[in-house]
Amino acid sequence: MEYHELSAKDKNHLVEEFSEFRELKAIGVHVTTKSKVNDITHTLKAVENEVCLSPRPPTISITYHPFSSSIISGHGPVSKLYCMQHVG
């Protein structure tokens, strides 16, 4: 059925569904490994920029360790973010 043949109610419903889809596509959860890594990288860059803007040298180092394990509840790749405070 063509769009112009739909009733006004069906057209509104279709527009609402598409609007929800666009919103999820823009801000939704990324499901591919590459997009997850890109999200983490972007977040870490933002954190790094904030730390570098402080007047004192940074006292925290952040490392990202992606790994894959079938031990963890059968969920696919798992990533961890470690923050370590330097003493000194």
C-alpha atoms as a PDB file:
ATOM      1  CA  MET A   1       0.000   0.000   0.000  1.00  0.00           C
ATOM      2  CA  GLU A   2       1.344   3.448  -0.894  1.00  0.00           C
ATOM      3  CA  TYR A   3       1.695   6.216   1.692  1.00  0.00           C
ATOM      4  CA  HIS A   4      -0.875   8.478   0.015  1.00  0.00           C
ATOM      5  CA  GLU A   5      -3.434   5.647   0.183  1.00  0.00           C
ATOM      6  CA  LEU A   6      -3.190   5.344   3.989  1.00  0.00           C
ATOM      7  CA  SER A   7      -5.741   6.840   6.350  1.00  0.00           C
ATOM      8  CA  ALA A   8      -4.786   9.867   8.452  1.00  0.00           C
ATOM      9  CA  LYS A   9      -4.563   7.650  11.550  1.00  0.00           C
ATOM     10  CA  ASP A  10      -2.204   5.201   9.794  1.00  0.00           C
ATOM     11  CA  LYS A  11      -0.065   8.078   8.478  1.00  0.00           C
ATOM     12  CA  ASN A  12       0.281   9.544  11.978  1.00  0.00           C
ATOM     13  CA  HIS A  13       1.195   6.123  13.368  1.00  0.00           C
ATOM     14  CA  LEU A  14       3.814   5.651  10.657  1.00  0.00           C
ATOM     15  CA  VAL A  15       5.313   9.094  11.341  1.00  0.00           C
ATOM     16  CA  GLU A  16       5.463   8.348  15.093  1.00  0.00           C
ATOM     17  CA  GLU A  17       7.241   5.029  14.473  1.00  0.00           C
ATOM     18  CA  PHE A  18       9.750   6.680  12.166  1.00  0.00           C
ATOM     19  CA  SER A  19      10.373   9.487  14.681  1.00  0.00           C
ATOM     20  CA  GLU A  20      11.105   6.929  17.414  1.00  0.00           C
ATOM     21  CA  PHE A  21      13.413   5.032  15.063  1.00  0.00           C
ATOM     22  CA  ARG A  22      15.344   8.214  14.178  1.00  0.00           C
ATOM     23  CA  GLU A  23      15.731   9.122  17.841  1.00  0.00           C
ATOM     24  CA  LEU A  24      17.019   5.655  18.745  1.00  0.00           C
ATOM     25  CA  LYS A  25      19.359   5.704  15.759  1.00  0.00           C
ATOM     26  CA  ALA A  26      20.787   9.060  16.835  1.00  0.00           C
ATOM     27  CA  ILE A  27      21.214   8.391  20.566  1.00  0.00           C
ATOM     28  CA  GLY A  28      20.495   4.696  20.978  1.00  0.00           C
ATOM     29  CA  VAL A  29      22.709   1.867  22.111  1.00  0.00           C
ATOM     30  CA  HIS A  30      25.364   0.830  19.626  1.00  0.00           C
ATOM     31  CA  VAL A  31      25.500  -2.898  19.083  1.00  0.00           C
ATOM     32  CA  THR A  32      28.573  -3.508  16.959  1.00  0.00           C
ATOM     33  CA  THR A  33      31.971  -3.943  18.567  1.00  0.00           C
ATOM     34  CA  LYS A  34      33.452  -1.157  16.470  1.00  0.00           C
ATOM     35  CA  SER A  35      30.755   1.320  17.519  1.00  0.00           C
ATOM     36  CA  LYS A  36      31.179   0.332  21.187  1.00  0.00           C
ATOM     37  CA  VAL A  37      34.933   0.946  20.958  1.00  0.00           C
ATOM     38  CA  ASN A  38      34.297   4.285  19.228  1.00  0.00           C
ATOM     39  CA  ASP A  39      31.889   5.288  22.023  1.00  0.00           C
ATOM     40  CA  ILE A  40      34.433   4.395  24.713  1.00  0.00           C
ATOM     41  CA  THR A  41      37.226   6.168  22.836  1.00  0.00           C
ATOM     42  CA  HIS A  42      35.109   9.316  22.498  1.00  0.00           C
ATOM     43  CA  THR A  43      34.225   9.217  26.205  1.00  0.00           C
ATOM     44  CA  LEU A  44      37.850   8.713  27.232  1.00  0.00           C
ATOM     45  CA  LYS A  45      38.966  11.603  25.001  1.00  0.00           C
ATOM     46  CA  ALA A  46      36.407  13.843  26.728  1.00  0.00           C
ATOM     47  CA  VAL A  47      37.666  12.718  30.163  1.00  0.00           C
ATOM     48  CA  GLU A  48      41.276  13.243  29.063  1.00  0.00           C
ATOM     49  CA  ASN A  49      40.455  16.765  27.875  1.00  0.00           C
ATOM     50  CA  GLU A  50      38.805  17.585  31.204  1.00  0.00           C
ATOM     51  CA  VAL A  51      41.787  16.253  33.175  1.00  0.00           C
ATOM     52  CA  CYS A  52      44.280  18.135  30.992  1.00  0.00           C
ATOM     53  CA  LEU A  53      42.366  21.385  31.516  1.00  0.00           C
ATOM     54  CA  SER A  54      42.903  21.247  35.272  1.00  0.00           C
ATOM     55  CA  PRO A  55      45.697  23.487  36.636  1.00  0.00           C
ATOM     56  CA  ARG A  56      47.546  20.579  38.262  1.00  0.00           C
ATOM     57  CA  PRO A  57      49.015  17.579  36.453  1.00  0.00           C
ATOM     58  CA  PRO A  58      46.630  14.631  36.268  1.00  0.00           C
ATOM     59  CA  THR A  59      46.794  12.141  39.110  1.00  0.00           C
ATOM     60  CA  ILE A  60      44.592   9.519  37.512  1.00  0.00           C
ATOM     61  CA  SER A  61      45.423   7.257  34.614  1.00  0.00           C
ATOM     62  CA  ILE A  62      42.637   5.552  32.722  1.00  0.00           C
ATOM     63  CA  THR A  63      43.135   2.388  30.728  1.00  0.00           C
ATOM     64  CA  TYR A  64      40.620   0.521  28.628  1.00  0.00           C
ATOM     65  CA  HIS A  65      40.982  -3.267  28.414  1.00  0.00           C
ATOM     66  CA  PRO A  66      38.676  -5.006  25.959  1.00  0.00           C
ATOM     67  CA  PHE A  67      38.570  -8.758  26.321  1.00  0.00           C
ATOM     68  CA  SER A  68      36.373 -11.636  25.338  1.00  0.00           C
ATOM     69  CA  SER A  69      35.303 -14.385  27.675  1.00  0.00           C
ATOM     70  CA  SER A  70      32.702 -17.087  27.513  1.00  0.00           C
ATOM     71  CA  ILE A  71      32.910 -17.500  31.291  1.00  0.00           C
ATOM     72  CA  ILE A  72      30.844 -14.399  32.011  1.00  0.00           C
ATOM     73  CA  SER A  73      27.234 -15.593  31.703  1.00  0.00           C
ATOM     74  CA  GLY A  74      27.563 -16.402  28.025  1.00  0.00           C
ATOM     75  CA  HIS A  75      27.517 -12.710  27.110  1.00  0.00           C
ATOM     76  CA  GLY A  76      29.821 -11.827  24.196  1.00  0.00           C
ATOM     77  CA  PRO A  77      32.779  -9.474  24.440  1.00  0.00           C
ATOM     78  CA  VAL A  78      33.118  -7.606  27.712  1.00  0.00           C
ATOM     79  CA  SER A  79      35.014  -4.397  28.299  1.00  0.00           C
ATOM     80  CA  LYS A  80      36.383  -2.937  31.491  1.00  0.00           C
ATOM     81  CA  LEU A  81      37.540   0.547  32.328  1.00  0.00           C
ATOM     82  CA  TYR A  82      40.215   0.815  34.994  1.00  0.00           C
ATOM     83  CA  CYS A  83      41.076   4.014  36.847  1.00  0.00           C
ATOM     84  CA  MET A  84      44.215   4.055  38.954  1.00  0.00           C
ATOM     85  CA  GLN A  85      45.211   6.875  41.255  1.00  0.00           C
ATOM     86  CA  HIS A  86      48.930   7.596  41.347  1.00  0.00           C
ATOM     87  CA  VAL A  87      50.469   8.013  44.783  1.00  0.00           C
ATOM     88  CA  GLY A  88      53.276  10.457  45.035  1.00  0.00           C
END
